[in-house]
Protein backbone atom coordinates (compact mmCIF):
# COMPACT_ATOMS: atom_id res chain seq x y z
CA MET A 1 0.79 29.85 130.97
CA LYS A 2 1.90 26.71 132.77
CA HIS A 3 -1.71 25.49 133.02
CA ARG A 4 -2.28 26.12 129.31
CA PHE A 5 0.85 24.16 128.43
CA LEU A 6 -0.20 21.29 130.72
CA LEU A 7 -3.70 21.23 129.23
CA ALA A 8 -2.30 21.22 125.69
CA SER A 9 0.04 18.36 126.60
CA ILE A 10 -2.83 16.30 128.04
CA LEU A 11 -5.00 16.93 124.96
CA PHE A 12 -2.15 15.96 122.64
CA ALA A 13 -1.46 12.77 124.61
CA THR A 14 -5.15 11.84 124.59
CA PHE A 15 -5.41 12.47 120.84
CA SER A 16 -2.29 10.40 120.23
CA LEU A 17 -3.65 7.49 122.30
CA VAL A 18 -7.01 7.55 120.53
CA SER A 19 -5.30 7.73 117.14
CA CYS A 20 -3.03 4.85 118.08
CA LEU A 21 -5.93 2.68 119.25
CA SER A 22 -7.90 3.60 116.13
CA SER A 23 -5.04 2.61 113.82
CA GLU A 24 -4.60 -0.66 115.71
CA THR A 25 -8.25 -1.67 115.36
CA LYS A 26 -8.80 -0.27 111.87
CA GLY A 27 -7.06 -3.19 110.21
CA ASP A 28 -8.37 -5.81 112.63
CA PRO A 29 -11.01 -7.90 110.81
CA LYS A 30 -12.50 -8.98 114.16
CA VAL A 31 -13.53 -5.38 114.91
CA ARG A 32 -16.85 -4.73 113.18
CA THR A 33 -17.57 -1.53 111.30
CA LYS A 34 -20.76 0.10 109.99
CA GLU A 35 -19.69 -1.07 106.55
CA ASP A 36 -19.63 -4.67 107.81
CA ASP A 37 -23.17 -4.29 109.15
CA LYS A 38 -24.31 -2.87 105.82
CA THR A 39 -22.68 -5.68 103.85
CA ASP A 40 -24.24 -8.32 106.12
CA SER A 41 -27.71 -6.79 105.88
CA LEU A 42 -27.48 -6.84 102.09
CA LEU A 43 -26.32 -10.46 102.20
CA LEU A 44 -29.51 -11.42 104.05
CA VAL A 45 -31.88 -9.66 101.63
CA TYR A 46 -34.24 -12.18 100.05
CA ASP A 47 -36.72 -11.59 97.22
CA SER A 48 -39.13 -14.54 97.16
CA SER A 49 -40.30 -13.55 93.66
CA LYS A 50 -36.81 -14.47 92.42
CA GLU A 51 -36.54 -17.76 94.28
CA ASP A 52 -35.03 -20.79 92.59
CA LYS A 53 -38.19 -22.62 91.51
CA TYR A 54 -36.55 -26.04 91.39
CA VAL A 55 -35.24 -25.71 94.96
CA ALA A 56 -38.65 -24.46 96.14
CA GLU A 57 -40.46 -27.43 94.59
CA PHE A 58 -37.80 -29.88 95.81
CA MET A 59 -38.09 -28.65 99.41
CA GLN A 60 -41.86 -28.76 99.33
CA ARG A 61 -41.67 -32.42 98.23
CA LEU A 62 -39.09 -33.15 100.93
CA HIS A 63 -41.47 -31.63 103.46
CA THR A 64 -44.67 -33.36 102.33
CA ARG A 65 -43.30 -36.72 101.17
CA SER A 66 -40.17 -37.32 103.26
CA GLY A 67 -41.28 -35.55 106.41
CA PHE A 68 -38.62 -32.84 106.58
CA ASN A 69 -39.67 -30.32 109.23
CA GLY A 70 -37.40 -27.33 109.67
CA ASN A 71 -35.77 -24.31 108.11
CA VAL A 72 -33.80 -24.22 104.86
CA LEU A 73 -31.58 -21.66 103.15
CA VAL A 74 -29.62 -21.92 99.90
CA ALA A 75 -27.25 -19.16 98.81
CA LYS A 76 -25.10 -18.85 95.72
CA LYS A 77 -22.28 -16.34 95.25
CA GLY A 78 -23.45 -14.16 98.10
CA ARG A 79 -27.16 -14.17 97.20
CA ILE A 80 -29.96 -16.14 98.86
CA ILE A 81 -31.79 -18.04 96.13
CA TYR A 82 -34.21 -19.81 98.46
CA GLN A 83 -35.25 -19.76 102.10
CA LYS A 84 -38.26 -21.15 103.92
CA ALA A 85 -39.61 -22.25 107.29
CA LEU A 86 -41.45 -25.54 106.82
CA GLY A 87 -43.63 -26.93 109.58
CA TRP A 88 -43.85 -26.75 113.34
CA ALA A 89 -41.47 -25.30 115.93
CA ASP A 90 -43.41 -27.09 118.67
CA TYR A 91 -46.12 -29.47 117.52
CA LEU A 92 -47.72 -29.80 120.96
CA HIS A 93 -48.52 -26.08 121.07
CA ARG A 94 -48.98 -25.78 117.28
CA ASP A 95 -46.28 -23.11 117.04
CA SER A 96 -45.10 -22.59 113.46
CA LEU A 97 -41.44 -22.21 112.56
CA LYS A 98 -40.14 -18.81 111.46
CA THR A 99 -37.02 -18.17 109.38
CA ALA A 100 -35.57 -16.44 112.46
CA SER A 101 -36.14 -19.49 114.71
CA GLU A 102 -33.10 -20.63 116.72
CA PHE A 103 -32.24 -24.34 116.57
CA GLU A 104 -29.95 -26.39 118.78
CA LEU A 105 -27.17 -26.96 116.25
CA ALA A 106 -26.11 -30.31 117.72
CA SER A 107 -22.77 -31.28 116.13
CA VAL A 108 -22.89 -28.32 113.76
CA SER A 109 -21.50 -26.65 116.91
CA LYS A 110 -18.16 -28.41 116.30
CA PRO A 111 -16.94 -26.10 113.49
CA PHE A 112 -17.45 -23.19 115.89
CA THR A 113 -15.41 -24.86 118.62
CA GLY A 114 -12.73 -25.66 116.05
CA THR A 115 -12.72 -21.99 115.03
CA ALA A 116 -12.22 -20.90 118.65
CA ILE A 117 -9.31 -23.32 119.12
CA MET A 118 -7.62 -22.19 115.89
CA GLN A 119 -8.00 -18.55 116.99
CA LEU A 120 -6.12 -19.38 120.19
CA VAL A 121 -3.45 -21.15 118.13
CA GLU A 122 -3.07 -18.02 115.96
CA GLN A 123 -2.72 -15.94 119.11
CA GLY A 124 0.00 -18.23 120.46
CA LYS A 125 -2.08 -19.12 123.52
CA LEU A 126 -1.91 -22.82 122.75
CA SER A 127 -0.33 -25.20 120.26
CA LEU A 128 -1.86 -28.00 118.24
CA ASP A 129 0.72 -30.29 119.83
CA ASP A 130 -0.12 -29.31 123.41
CA ASP A 131 -1.08 -32.31 125.51
CA VAL A 132 -4.40 -32.15 127.38
CA LYS A 133 -2.41 -32.76 130.58
CA LYS A 134 -0.87 -29.30 130.14
CA PHE A 135 -4.26 -27.82 130.95
CA TYR A 136 -5.70 -30.65 133.07
CA PRO A 137 -2.85 -32.46 134.91
CA ASP A 138 -5.28 -35.07 136.30
CA PHE A 139 -6.48 -36.08 132.83
CA PRO A 140 -6.06 -39.88 132.88
CA TYR A 141 -4.80 -40.45 129.32
CA ASP A 142 -1.32 -39.87 127.93
CA GLY A 143 -0.48 -38.60 124.46
CA ILE A 144 -3.76 -36.87 123.59
CA THR A 145 -3.04 -33.54 121.95
CA VAL A 146 -5.22 -30.67 120.75
CA ARG A 147 -4.55 -31.81 117.18
CA LEU A 148 -5.88 -35.30 117.89
CA LEU A 149 -9.00 -33.92 119.56
CA LEU A 150 -9.74 -31.67 116.57
CA SER A 151 -9.43 -34.53 114.08
CA HIS A 152 -11.20 -37.18 116.22
CA ARG A 153 -8.06 -39.28 116.63
CA SER A 154 -7.79 -39.14 120.42
CA GLY A 155 -9.17 -42.63 121.00
CA MET A 156 -11.34 -41.36 123.86
CA MET A 157 -14.61 -43.01 124.84
CA ASN A 158 -17.84 -41.06 124.27
CA TYR A 159 -18.54 -39.19 127.51
CA VAL A 160 -22.29 -39.00 126.68
CA TYR A 161 -22.78 -42.74 127.25
CA PHE A 162 -20.32 -42.85 130.15
CA ILE A 163 -21.98 -39.99 132.05
CA ASP A 164 -25.47 -41.24 131.24
CA GLU A 165 -24.69 -44.62 132.78
CA ILE A 166 -23.34 -43.04 135.98
CA TRP A 167 -26.35 -40.74 136.37
CA ARG A 168 -28.81 -43.60 135.92
CA LYS A 169 -27.01 -46.08 138.20
CA GLU A 170 -26.49 -43.51 140.96
CA LYS A 171 -29.97 -41.99 140.53
CA ARG A 172 -28.59 -38.47 140.14
CA ASP A 173 -30.66 -35.41 139.20
CA MET A 174 -31.52 -35.90 135.53
CA LYS A 175 -32.67 -32.32 135.02
CA LYS A 176 -29.77 -30.28 136.39
CA GLY A 177 -27.05 -29.79 133.78
CA VAL A 178 -23.49 -31.02 134.25
CA SER A 179 -20.72 -28.65 133.10
CA ASN A 180 -17.63 -29.37 131.00
CA GLN A 181 -15.45 -28.85 134.06
CA GLU A 182 -17.51 -31.35 136.05
CA VAL A 183 -17.24 -33.90 133.26
CA MET A 184 -13.47 -33.40 133.15
CA LYS A 185 -13.35 -34.02 136.91
CA ILE A 186 -15.44 -37.20 136.63
CA ILE A 187 -13.19 -38.49 133.82
CA ALA A 188 -10.14 -37.83 136.00
CA GLU A 189 -11.71 -39.66 138.95
CA ARG A 190 -13.32 -42.62 137.18
CA LYS A 191 -10.70 -43.12 134.43
CA PRO A 192 -13.00 -44.79 131.87
CA ASN A 193 -11.35 -47.15 129.40
CA PRO A 194 -10.44 -45.45 126.12
CA TYR A 195 -11.80 -46.66 122.82
CA ALA A 196 -8.34 -46.92 121.22
CA LYS A 197 -4.78 -45.68 121.62
CA PRO A 198 -4.21 -42.07 120.57
CA ASP A 199 -3.59 -41.44 116.88
CA THR A 200 -4.29 -44.99 115.76
CA ARG A 201 -7.66 -44.45 114.10
CA PHE A 202 -10.45 -41.99 113.38
CA HIS A 203 -13.27 -42.34 115.89
CA TYR A 204 -15.85 -39.59 115.78
CA ASN A 205 -17.30 -38.83 119.20
CA ASN A 206 -18.45 -35.91 121.32
CA SER A 207 -15.74 -36.24 123.97
CA ASN A 208 -13.17 -34.63 121.71
CA TYR A 209 -15.04 -31.35 121.37
CA MET A 210 -16.30 -31.31 124.95
CA VAL A 211 -12.63 -31.42 126.02
CA LEU A 212 -11.70 -28.73 123.49
CA ALA A 213 -14.36 -26.41 124.95
CA ALA A 214 -12.98 -27.13 128.42
CA ILE A 215 -9.52 -26.15 127.13
CA VAL A 216 -10.94 -22.90 125.74
CA GLU A 217 -12.25 -22.13 129.23
CA LYS A 218 -8.96 -23.02 130.92
CA VAL A 219 -6.77 -21.02 128.49
CA THR A 220 -8.96 -17.90 128.35
CA GLY A 221 -10.30 -17.88 131.90
CA LYS A 222 -13.77 -17.32 130.42
CA LEU A 223 -16.83 -19.47 130.09
CA TYR A 224 -17.05 -21.05 126.66
CA ALA A 225 -20.31 -19.15 126.07
CA ASP A 226 -18.65 -15.80 126.81
CA TYR A 227 -15.60 -16.50 124.66
CA MET A 228 -17.73 -17.55 121.71
CA MET A 229 -19.94 -14.49 121.96
CA GLU A 230 -17.02 -12.08 122.13
CA HIS A 231 -14.63 -13.66 119.64
CA VAL A 232 -16.81 -15.57 117.17
CA PHE A 233 -20.49 -14.61 117.15
CA LYS A 234 -20.16 -10.82 117.49
CA PRO A 235 -17.27 -10.43 115.01
CA ALA A 236 -19.26 -12.51 112.51
CA GLY A 237 -22.37 -10.37 113.02
CA MET A 238 -24.33 -13.35 114.37
CA LYS A 239 -26.88 -11.54 116.50
CA ASN A 240 -29.19 -14.53 116.99
CA THR A 241 -26.63 -17.13 118.06
CA HIS A 242 -25.97 -18.20 121.63
CA VAL A 243 -24.49 -20.96 123.74
CA TYR A 244 -27.16 -22.36 126.03
CA SER A 245 -26.40 -24.90 128.75
CA THR A 246 -28.73 -26.45 131.31
CA THR A 247 -26.10 -25.58 133.93
CA VAL A 248 -27.27 -21.97 133.47
CA TYR A 249 -30.78 -22.31 132.04
CA PRO A 250 -33.23 -24.76 133.68
CA LYS A 251 -35.21 -24.32 130.46
CA ILE A 252 -33.36 -23.38 127.28
CA PRO A 253 -34.88 -20.03 126.15
CA VAL A 254 -35.79 -20.95 122.57
CA ASP A 255 -39.12 -21.89 120.99
CA VAL A 256 -37.99 -24.74 118.73
CA VAL A 257 -38.52 -28.17 120.26
CA GLY A 258 -36.78 -31.33 119.06
CA HIS A 259 -38.99 -34.30 118.11
CA ASP A 260 -37.52 -37.79 118.06
CA ARG A 261 -38.44 -41.22 116.62
CA ASN A 262 -40.08 -39.67 113.54
CA SER A 263 -43.20 -38.95 115.58
CA TRP A 264 -44.74 -35.74 116.84
CA ARG A 265 -45.63 -37.57 120.06
CA TYR A 266 -41.99 -37.64 121.17
CA SER A 267 -40.85 -34.12 121.95
CA VAL A 268 -37.45 -34.18 123.66
CA ALA A 269 -36.95 -32.33 126.94
CA GLN A 270 -33.50 -31.00 127.79
CA ASN A 271 -31.68 -32.73 130.63
CA PHE A 272 -28.28 -33.00 132.35
CA LEU A 273 -26.61 -33.99 129.06
CA ASP A 274 -27.53 -30.59 127.62
CA GLY A 275 -25.08 -29.09 130.11
CA PRO A 276 -21.74 -29.82 128.40
CA VAL A 277 -21.06 -27.61 125.39
CA GLY A 278 -18.59 -27.38 122.52
CA ASP A 279 -19.61 -30.67 120.98
CA LYS A 280 -23.15 -29.21 120.86
CA GLY A 281 -24.98 -26.47 122.77
CA ILE A 282 -24.83 -23.65 120.21
CA TYR A 283 -28.22 -22.35 119.09
CA SER A 284 -28.47 -20.45 115.83
CA THR A 285 -30.52 -19.56 112.76
CA ILE A 286 -30.21 -20.19 109.02
CA HIS A 287 -29.28 -16.52 108.50
CA ASP A 288 -26.57 -16.52 111.14
CA LEU A 289 -25.04 -19.66 109.64
CA LEU A 290 -24.85 -17.83 106.32
CA LEU A 291 -23.10 -14.96 108.12
CA PHE A 292 -20.65 -17.45 109.66
CA ASP A 293 -19.75 -18.68 106.17
CA HIS A 294 -19.31 -15.07 105.03
CA ALA A 295 -17.13 -14.18 108.03
CA LEU A 296 -14.85 -17.15 107.38
CA ARG A 297 -14.57 -16.31 103.68
CA LYS A 298 -13.70 -12.69 104.44
CA GLY A 299 -11.05 -13.55 107.02
CA ARG A 300 -12.94 -11.95 109.90
CA LEU A 301 -12.34 -14.90 112.22
CA LEU A 302 -9.26 -16.75 110.98
CA LYS A 303 -6.40 -16.23 108.54
CA LYS A 304 -6.56 -18.03 105.20
CA VAL A 305 -3.58 -20.23 106.01
CA THR A 306 -5.33 -21.34 109.20
CA LEU A 307 -8.55 -22.11 107.34
CA ASP A 308 -6.64 -24.08 104.71
CA SER A 309 -5.20 -26.16 107.55
CA ALA A 310 -8.66 -26.72 109.05
CA TYR A 311 -10.02 -27.79 105.67
CA LYS A 312 -7.32 -30.41 105.13
CA GLY A 313 -8.31 -34.04 105.73
CA ARG A 314 -6.46 -35.54 108.68
CA ASN A 315 -7.63 -39.13 108.30
CA LYS A 316 -7.85 -41.88 105.72
CA PRO A 317 -10.45 -40.83 103.10
CA VAL A 318 -13.72 -42.75 103.09
CA ASN A 319 -14.74 -43.89 99.60
CA GLY A 320 -11.99 -41.75 98.14
CA HIS A 321 -13.60 -38.39 98.97
CA PHE A 322 -14.84 -38.05 102.55
CA ASN A 323 -12.58 -36.97 105.39
CA TYR A 324 -12.40 -34.92 108.58
CA GLY A 325 -10.15 -31.95 109.24
CA TYR A 326 -10.14 -29.59 112.22
CA GLY A 327 -13.82 -29.20 113.06
CA TRP A 328 -15.10 -29.85 109.54
CA ARG A 329 -16.21 -32.87 107.59
CA ILE A 330 -14.69 -32.67 104.13
CA PHE A 331 -15.46 -33.75 100.58
CA ASP A 332 -12.38 -33.61 98.35
CA GLY A 333 -13.41 -33.74 94.71
CA GLU A 334 -11.63 -33.81 91.40
CA GLY A 335 -9.47 -30.86 90.44
CA ASN A 336 -8.92 -29.88 94.10
CA ARG A 337 -12.66 -29.29 94.51
CA LYS A 338 -13.23 -28.55 98.20
CA VAL A 339 -16.52 -28.81 100.04
CA VAL A 340 -16.64 -28.58 103.83
CA TYR A 341 -19.69 -29.45 105.84
CA HIS A 342 -21.03 -30.79 109.10
CA THR A 343 -24.02 -32.80 110.16
CA GLY A 344 -25.82 -32.69 113.49
CA TRP A 345 -28.03 -35.07 115.42
CA TRP A 346 -29.04 -34.50 119.04
CA HIS A 347 -32.20 -34.66 121.14
CA GLY A 348 -34.68 -34.46 118.30
CA PHE A 349 -32.65 -32.19 115.98
CA ARG A 350 -31.12 -33.28 112.67
CA HIS A 351 -29.14 -30.90 110.41
CA ILE A 352 -26.70 -30.51 107.55
CA TYR A 353 -24.60 -27.41 106.82
CA VAL A 354 -22.73 -27.49 103.49
CA ARG A 355 -20.19 -24.93 102.21
CA ASP A 356 -18.86 -25.34 98.68
CA ILE A 357 -15.66 -23.34 99.03
CA ASP A 358 -14.83 -23.12 95.31
CA LYS A 359 -18.29 -22.34 93.91
CA ASP A 360 -19.40 -20.19 96.88
CA ILE A 361 -22.58 -22.15 97.55
CA VAL A 362 -24.12 -22.59 100.98
CA ILE A 363 -26.82 -25.16 101.78
CA ILE A 364 -28.40 -25.16 105.24
CA LEU A 365 -31.12 -27.51 106.46
CA LEU A 366 -31.99 -27.32 110.15
CA GLY A 367 -34.57 -29.91 111.20
CA ASN A 368 -36.37 -30.56 114.47
CA LYS A 369 -37.94 -33.90 113.61
CA VAL A 370 -35.56 -36.82 113.38
CA ASN A 371 -36.21 -38.97 110.32
CA GLY A 372 -34.43 -39.97 107.14
CA SER A 373 -35.39 -36.92 105.11
CA LEU A 374 -31.82 -35.58 104.91
CA LEU A 375 -30.76 -38.77 103.13
CA HIS A 376 -32.79 -37.72 100.09
CA LEU A 377 -30.91 -34.62 98.99
CA ASP A 378 -29.04 -36.05 95.97
CA ASP A 379 -31.16 -34.24 93.37
CA LEU A 380 -30.79 -30.95 95.23
CA TYR A 381 -27.01 -31.26 95.20
CA LYS A 382 -27.00 -32.16 91.49
CA HIS A 383 -29.23 -29.20 90.61
CA LEU A 384 -26.88 -26.82 92.43
CA GLY A 385 -23.77 -28.41 90.95
CA VAL A 386 -22.51 -29.51 94.36
CA PRO A 387 -21.03 -32.99 94.96
CA VAL A 388 -23.50 -35.41 96.51
CA ILE A 389 -22.80 -35.31 100.24
CA ARG A 390 -23.66 -38.90 101.04
CA LYS A 391 -21.00 -41.56 101.53
CA GLY A 392 -23.17 -44.31 100.09
CA ALA A 393 -23.27 -42.51 96.73
CA TYR A 394 -19.60 -43.34 96.09
CA SER A 395 -17.32 -46.33 96.02
CA GLY A 396 -13.61 -46.32 96.59
CA ALA A 397 -10.89 -46.87 99.16
CA GLY A 398 -11.67 -46.48 102.84
CA SER A 399 -14.34 -47.52 105.27
CA ALA A 400 -17.72 -48.97 104.46
CA PRO A 401 -20.32 -46.42 103.34
CA GLY A 402 -21.63 -44.40 106.25
CA SER A 403 -18.89 -45.54 108.61
CA ASP A 404 -17.10 -42.94 110.70
CA GLU A 405 -13.99 -45.03 111.22
CA ASP A 406 -10.96 -46.01 109.16
């Protein structure tokens, strides 16, 4: 009788624990369900017979006349109206692009790093007003906070040029990647001159988001790649998105090669500067970027109030409309029209990722041949009813067209 009572007690306790855990995770948007998988698979369904003919013809012209080489996806109100792989993944080996090809996102990685930081803020693990010295006591600059890093107001120099100069002068190994933690150590030791005093001006540069990724690692005790996979990519259903660093991979395991100088002759090999991540280093597909938009809209990754904060311009507007928030470039239009976007340019890759928040339109162009083709998208924006995302198309208060500084 005693044994039966003990067994019943254990079973009841186990059932209670499972029920408790189930109720805790049931309402957690970061925990994926079968219904989420079903919704995402439907979101990615594409019927080429119903493609937007104007967009199809526009992209074909952009490919043949302006030299755009890459993948494109346009979605409207949760439905893909056009997608296509145009050109070569690797010209040398004559490998064609596929819609599932993974591209180095370059600075389109920054919205992901911003998302990770804002998650940690929501969890109370850090504050926007935390000083970098809280996490890295040897950091040589005073008064640089998480908030200033997110909005590019830290005044830091660009570590890419600083590290590159050291490696060349000291004849260091140009192939082996340098990590974020190593860069932080070099900055502490060498104390490079800052560009400006903290919070005096907007100065876009990669140092801000390299440091933010280092903070993610320090706060969580995990590699940036592992945190992003567990807390951003998987919850968003992004099954073909990874963080790749040359500190881990001597050769980045993707097939898409970047081509620089508007010539197929110049394919770009990864080197030590492909080691630091957060400012770049995320590899993804057009479909996964659509899923990222969907996850943000549905509150799977961040609360609405947090997103609203990230989408708020934190600098002086350029030409009356363009700004930068927390990880996002911003176009503020008339009637509170909000478009958030980011561009990317790194080692032969050139991209733009546009999210019209109000009209639920997503435009993704991932290119692996650097040229001016992405400067010729005005008619595409007009056809879709999206503001023209090009500073030179507007006049108004702020910096000169195309400038990243106020």
